[in-house]
Each structure stands twice: as C-alpha cells, then as structure tokens.
Amino acid sequence: MSDCCQCCTERKKERDTKEFKSLMNRLNRIEGQIRGIKGMVERDAYCPDIILQVSAINAALNSFNKELLASHIKTCVKTDIKNGNDDAVNELVSVLQRLMK
C-alpha cells in the first residue's frame, strides 16, 4: 500500500508514528509561542520584543515546512514517480514556487 493515495478529490498521507509525533510536537510548540505573543500584546509588551517573537515563530513554521516537505518528497513524490505518475513532479514544482513567493 502506498504512503499517499488519491481517490476522488480527497488526498491523504498515512504518517508513521515517529513523523506524526515530530510534526505534532513542532505544532504544539508553535501554538505555545503564538499564545505567548497574544499574552505579550495583552500585557502591552514593547513592540520590538513582540516582533522578535514573531520572527521566532516564522522560523519555527519554516522548519515545520522543511520537515514536512522532506517527508513528502521521500514518500509521496518518490512513490508516485516509481509508479509512473510524473504529475507528482509538476505538483512539487508548483508547491515550491508558491513557498518561494
């Protein structure tokens, strides 16, 4: 069974436990950082302090994207190419172009 499947219009990715936990841990940390910034705004924190925290969240989101993208390439794209689905490359190029805006 493939890691990625496409049926009808719904696409899904079956993640192993390690990948799932890693992604969820990153998201939980990011969520905590966002709550922290919300608290800073509520406490009237100094603008540059908030800006630095937002920058840290952007870096965390970029790291999340890198991990997810690497996994996607190593599983879904690889499987699709092995199965003769060259559209996977076009989709990946499109995703990368959108990320680099």
N, C-alpha and C. Protein backbone atom coordinates (compact mmCIF):
# COMPACT_ATOMS: atom_id res chain seq x y z
N MET A 1 0.84 -1.19 0.00
CA MET A 1 0.00 0.00 0.00
C MET A 1 0.87 1.24 0.00
N SER A 2 0.55 2.21 -0.80
CA SER A 2 1.31 3.44 -0.93
C SER A 2 1.11 4.35 0.27
N ASP A 3 2.15 5.16 0.57
CA ASP A 3 2.03 6.14 1.65
C ASP A 3 1.03 7.22 1.30
N CYS A 4 0.93 7.54 0.04
CA CYS A 4 -0.01 8.56 -0.42
C CYS A 4 -1.03 7.91 -1.33
N CYS A 5 -2.22 8.42 -1.27
CA CYS A 5 -3.21 7.90 -2.20
C CYS A 5 -4.06 9.05 -2.70
N GLN A 6 -4.65 8.84 -3.83
CA GLN A 6 -5.56 9.84 -4.38
C GLN A 6 -6.81 9.10 -4.82
N CYS A 7 -7.89 9.43 -4.15
CA CYS A 7 -9.15 8.83 -4.55
C CYS A 7 -10.18 9.95 -4.60
N CYS A 8 -10.95 9.95 -5.64
CA CYS A 8 -11.92 11.04 -5.85
C CYS A 8 -11.16 12.36 -5.81
N THR A 9 -11.54 13.26 -4.92
CA THR A 9 -10.84 14.54 -4.81
C THR A 9 -10.11 14.66 -3.49
N GLU A 10 -10.17 13.62 -2.67
CA GLU A 10 -9.55 13.67 -1.35
C GLU A 10 -8.18 12.99 -1.38
N ARG A 11 -7.17 13.74 -0.97
CA ARG A 11 -5.83 13.17 -0.89
C ARG A 11 -5.45 13.09 0.57
N LYS A 12 -4.78 12.00 0.93
CA LYS A 12 -4.38 11.79 2.32
C LYS A 12 -2.97 11.24 2.35
N LYS A 13 -2.34 11.37 3.50
CA LYS A 13 -0.99 10.84 3.72
C LYS A 13 -1.01 10.04 5.01
N GLU A 14 -0.64 8.78 4.92
CA GLU A 14 -0.52 7.95 6.11
C GLU A 14 0.87 8.17 6.70
N ARG A 15 0.92 8.74 7.90
CA ARG A 15 2.19 9.04 8.55
C ARG A 15 2.52 7.99 9.58
N ASP A 16 3.80 7.63 9.67
CA ASP A 16 4.19 6.71 10.73
C ASP A 16 4.19 7.47 12.05
N THR A 17 4.26 6.74 13.13
CA THR A 17 4.15 7.32 14.47
C THR A 17 5.24 8.36 14.72
N LYS A 18 6.46 8.06 14.30
CA LYS A 18 7.58 8.97 14.52
C LYS A 18 7.35 10.32 13.84
N GLU A 19 6.96 10.28 12.56
CA GLU A 19 6.71 11.53 11.82
C GLU A 19 5.55 12.29 12.44
N PHE A 20 4.48 11.58 12.76
CA PHE A 20 3.30 12.22 13.35
C PHE A 20 3.67 12.94 14.65
N LYS A 21 4.39 12.25 15.53
CA LYS A 21 4.77 12.85 16.81
C LYS A 21 5.68 14.05 16.62
N SER A 22 6.61 13.95 15.71
CA SER A 22 7.53 15.06 15.44
C SER A 22 6.79 16.30 14.95
N LEU A 23 5.90 16.09 13.98
CA LEU A 23 5.12 17.22 13.45
C LEU A 23 4.21 17.82 14.51
N MET A 24 3.56 16.97 15.28
CA MET A 24 2.66 17.47 16.33
C MET A 24 3.43 18.21 17.42
N ASN A 25 4.61 17.72 17.77
CA ASN A 25 5.43 18.44 18.76
C ASN A 25 5.81 19.82 18.27
N ARG A 26 6.20 19.91 17.01
CA ARG A 26 6.54 21.22 16.43
C ARG A 26 5.32 22.14 16.46
N LEU A 27 4.17 21.62 16.04
CA LEU A 27 2.96 22.44 16.03
C LEU A 27 2.55 22.88 17.43
N ASN A 28 2.70 22.00 18.40
CA ASN A 28 2.36 22.37 19.78
C ASN A 28 3.28 23.47 20.29
N ARG A 29 4.58 23.40 19.94
CA ARG A 29 5.50 24.46 20.35
C ARG A 29 5.12 25.78 19.68
N ILE A 30 4.79 25.72 18.39
CA ILE A 30 4.39 26.94 17.67
C ILE A 30 3.13 27.52 18.27
N GLU A 31 2.18 26.66 18.58
CA GLU A 31 0.94 27.11 19.21
C GLU A 31 1.24 27.80 20.54
N GLY A 32 2.15 27.25 21.31
CA GLY A 32 2.54 27.88 22.58
C GLY A 32 3.20 29.22 22.36
N GLN A 33 4.02 29.32 21.33
CA GLN A 33 4.66 30.60 21.02
C GLN A 33 3.61 31.65 20.64
N ILE A 34 2.62 31.24 19.89
CA ILE A 34 1.56 32.18 19.48
C ILE A 34 0.77 32.64 20.70
N ARG A 35 0.46 31.71 21.59
CA ARG A 35 -0.22 32.10 22.84
C ARG A 35 0.64 33.08 23.64
N GLY A 36 1.95 32.85 23.62
CA GLY A 36 2.86 33.76 24.31
C GLY A 36 2.82 35.16 23.72
N ILE A 37 2.77 35.26 22.41
CA ILE A 37 2.69 36.57 21.77
C ILE A 37 1.36 37.24 22.09
N LYS A 38 0.31 36.46 22.07
CA LYS A 38 -1.00 37.01 22.44
C LYS A 38 -0.93 37.61 23.84
N GLY A 39 -0.31 36.90 24.76
CA GLY A 39 -0.15 37.41 26.12
C GLY A 39 0.69 38.67 26.15
N MET A 40 1.72 38.72 25.33
CA MET A 40 2.56 39.92 25.27
C MET A 40 1.74 41.13 24.82
N VAL A 41 0.91 40.93 23.82
CA VAL A 41 0.06 42.03 23.34
C VAL A 41 -0.91 42.46 24.43
N GLU A 42 -1.49 41.48 25.11
CA GLU A 42 -2.43 41.79 26.20
C GLU A 42 -1.74 42.55 27.33
N ARG A 43 -0.45 42.30 27.54
CA ARG A 43 0.29 42.97 28.61
C ARG A 43 1.00 44.23 28.13
N ASP A 44 0.69 44.64 26.90
CA ASP A 44 1.29 45.85 26.32
C ASP A 44 2.82 45.77 26.25
N ALA A 45 3.33 44.62 25.83
CA ALA A 45 4.77 44.45 25.70
C ALA A 45 5.33 45.39 24.64
N TYR A 46 6.59 45.67 24.76
CA TYR A 46 7.30 46.56 23.84
C TYR A 46 7.33 45.94 22.44
N CYS A 47 7.01 46.74 21.42
CA CYS A 47 6.85 46.25 20.05
C CYS A 47 8.03 45.41 19.54
N PRO A 48 9.28 45.89 19.69
CA PRO A 48 10.40 45.07 19.19
C PRO A 48 10.48 43.69 19.86
N ASP A 49 10.07 43.59 21.12
CA ASP A 49 10.07 42.29 21.79
C ASP A 49 9.07 41.34 21.13
N ILE A 50 7.91 41.88 20.78
CA ILE A 50 6.90 41.07 20.10
C ILE A 50 7.38 40.68 18.70
N ILE A 51 7.97 41.64 18.00
CA ILE A 51 8.46 41.38 16.64
C ILE A 51 9.49 40.26 16.65
N LEU A 52 10.38 40.25 17.64
CA LEU A 52 11.38 39.18 17.72
C LEU A 52 10.72 37.83 17.94
N GLN A 53 9.66 37.79 18.74
CA GLN A 53 8.96 36.53 18.97
C GLN A 53 8.23 36.07 17.71
N VAL A 54 7.67 37.02 16.96
CA VAL A 54 7.02 36.67 15.69
C VAL A 54 8.06 36.09 14.73
N SER A 55 9.23 36.67 14.72
CA SER A 55 10.31 36.16 13.88
C SER A 55 10.66 34.72 14.26
N ALA A 56 10.67 34.44 15.56
CA ALA A 56 10.96 33.07 16.02
C ALA A 56 9.87 32.11 15.54
N ILE A 57 8.63 32.56 15.54
CA ILE A 57 7.53 31.71 15.05
C ILE A 57 7.67 31.46 13.55
N ASN A 58 8.03 32.49 12.81
CA ASN A 58 8.25 32.32 11.38
C ASN A 58 9.33 31.27 11.12
N ALA A 59 10.42 31.33 11.90
CA ALA A 59 11.49 30.35 11.75
C ALA A 59 10.98 28.94 12.09
N ALA A 60 10.17 28.84 13.14
CA ALA A 60 9.62 27.54 13.53
C ALA A 60 8.69 26.99 12.45
N LEU A 61 7.88 27.85 11.86
CA LEU A 61 7.00 27.42 10.78
C LEU A 61 7.80 26.98 9.56
N ASN A 62 8.88 27.70 9.27
CA ASN A 62 9.74 27.31 8.15
C ASN A 62 10.37 25.94 8.40
N SER A 63 10.79 25.69 9.63
CA SER A 63 11.36 24.38 9.99
C SER A 63 10.31 23.28 9.85
N PHE A 64 9.09 23.58 10.28
CA PHE A 64 8.00 22.63 10.12
C PHE A 64 7.80 22.30 8.64
N ASN A 65 7.76 23.34 7.81
CA ASN A 65 7.58 23.14 6.37
C ASN A 65 8.70 22.31 5.77
N LYS A 66 9.94 22.57 6.19
CA LYS A 66 11.08 21.82 5.67
C LYS A 66 10.95 20.34 6.01
N GLU A 67 10.57 20.05 7.24
CA GLU A 67 10.42 18.65 7.66
C GLU A 67 9.29 17.97 6.88
N LEU A 68 8.17 18.66 6.75
CA LEU A 68 7.03 18.10 6.04
C LEU A 68 7.34 17.91 4.55
N LEU A 69 8.01 18.88 3.96
CA LEU A 69 8.37 18.80 2.55
C LEU A 69 9.34 17.65 2.30
N ALA A 70 10.33 17.51 3.16
CA ALA A 70 11.29 16.41 3.01
C ALA A 70 10.57 15.06 3.08
N SER A 71 9.67 14.93 4.02
CA SER A 71 8.91 13.69 4.14
C SER A 71 8.07 13.45 2.89
N HIS A 72 7.44 14.50 2.39
CA HIS A 72 6.61 14.38 1.20
C HIS A 72 7.43 13.90 0.00
N ILE A 73 8.61 14.47 -0.16
CA ILE A 73 9.46 14.08 -1.28
C ILE A 73 9.92 12.63 -1.13
N LYS A 74 10.32 12.25 0.08
CA LYS A 74 10.85 10.90 0.32
C LYS A 74 9.78 9.82 0.25
N THR A 75 8.52 10.19 0.41
CA THR A 75 7.46 9.18 0.39
C THR A 75 6.55 9.38 -0.82
N CYS A 76 5.71 10.36 -0.78
CA CYS A 76 4.68 10.55 -1.82
C CYS A 76 5.27 10.75 -3.21
N VAL A 77 6.18 11.70 -3.34
CA VAL A 77 6.74 12.01 -4.65
C VAL A 77 7.52 10.81 -5.18
N LYS A 78 8.34 10.22 -4.32
CA LYS A 78 9.13 9.05 -4.71
C LYS A 78 8.23 7.91 -5.18
N THR A 79 7.18 7.63 -4.42
CA THR A 79 6.25 6.55 -4.78
C THR A 79 5.55 6.86 -6.10
N ASP A 80 5.08 8.11 -6.24
CA ASP A 80 4.39 8.48 -7.48
C ASP A 80 5.29 8.34 -8.70
N ILE A 81 6.54 8.76 -8.56
CA ILE A 81 7.47 8.66 -9.70
C ILE A 81 7.72 7.19 -10.03
N LYS A 82 7.93 6.35 -9.00
CA LYS A 82 8.13 4.92 -9.24
C LYS A 82 6.93 4.29 -9.94
N ASN A 83 5.73 4.83 -9.65
CA ASN A 83 4.51 4.30 -10.26
C ASN A 83 4.18 4.97 -11.59
N GLY A 84 5.10 5.80 -12.08
CA GLY A 84 4.91 6.42 -13.39
C GLY A 84 4.07 7.68 -13.39
N ASN A 85 3.80 8.23 -12.23
CA ASN A 85 2.99 9.45 -12.15
C ASN A 85 3.91 10.67 -12.16
N ASP A 86 4.22 11.15 -13.35
CA ASP A 86 5.11 12.31 -13.48
C ASP A 86 4.45 13.62 -13.05
N ASP A 87 3.13 13.61 -12.87
CA ASP A 87 2.44 14.81 -12.38
C ASP A 87 2.92 15.19 -10.98
N ALA A 88 3.46 14.23 -10.25
CA ALA A 88 3.96 14.50 -8.90
C ALA A 88 5.08 15.52 -8.94
N VAL A 89 5.90 15.47 -9.96
CA VAL A 89 7.00 16.44 -10.10
C VAL A 89 6.43 17.82 -10.36
N ASN A 90 5.45 17.91 -11.24
CA ASN A 90 4.82 19.20 -11.53
C ASN A 90 4.16 19.78 -10.29
N GLU A 91 3.51 18.93 -9.50
CA GLU A 91 2.88 19.38 -8.27
C GLU A 91 3.93 19.91 -7.29
N LEU A 92 5.04 19.18 -7.17
CA LEU A 92 6.11 19.60 -6.27
C LEU A 92 6.69 20.94 -6.71
N VAL A 93 6.93 21.10 -7.99
CA VAL A 93 7.44 22.38 -8.51
C VAL A 93 6.47 23.50 -8.20
N SER A 94 5.19 23.25 -8.37
CA SER A 94 4.17 24.26 -8.07
C SER A 94 4.18 24.64 -6.59
N VAL A 95 4.29 23.65 -5.72
CA VAL A 95 4.33 23.91 -4.28
C VAL A 95 5.56 24.74 -3.93
N LEU A 96 6.71 24.37 -4.48
CA LEU A 96 7.94 25.11 -4.20
C LEU A 96 7.85 26.56 -4.70
N GLN A 97 7.25 26.75 -5.86
CA GLN A 97 7.09 28.11 -6.38
C GLN A 97 6.21 28.94 -5.47
N ARG A 98 5.15 28.35 -4.94
CA ARG A 98 4.27 29.08 -4.01
C ARG A 98 4.98 29.37 -2.70
N LEU A 99 5.80 28.46 -2.24
CA LEU A 99 6.54 28.68 -1.00
C LEU A 99 7.57 29.80 -1.13
N MET A 100 8.10 29.98 -2.30
CA MET A 100 9.17 30.95 -2.50
C MET A 100 8.68 32.34 -2.88
N LYS A 101 7.40 32.57 -2.79
CA LYS A 101 6.86 33.91 -3.10
C LYS A 101 7.34 34.92 -2.11
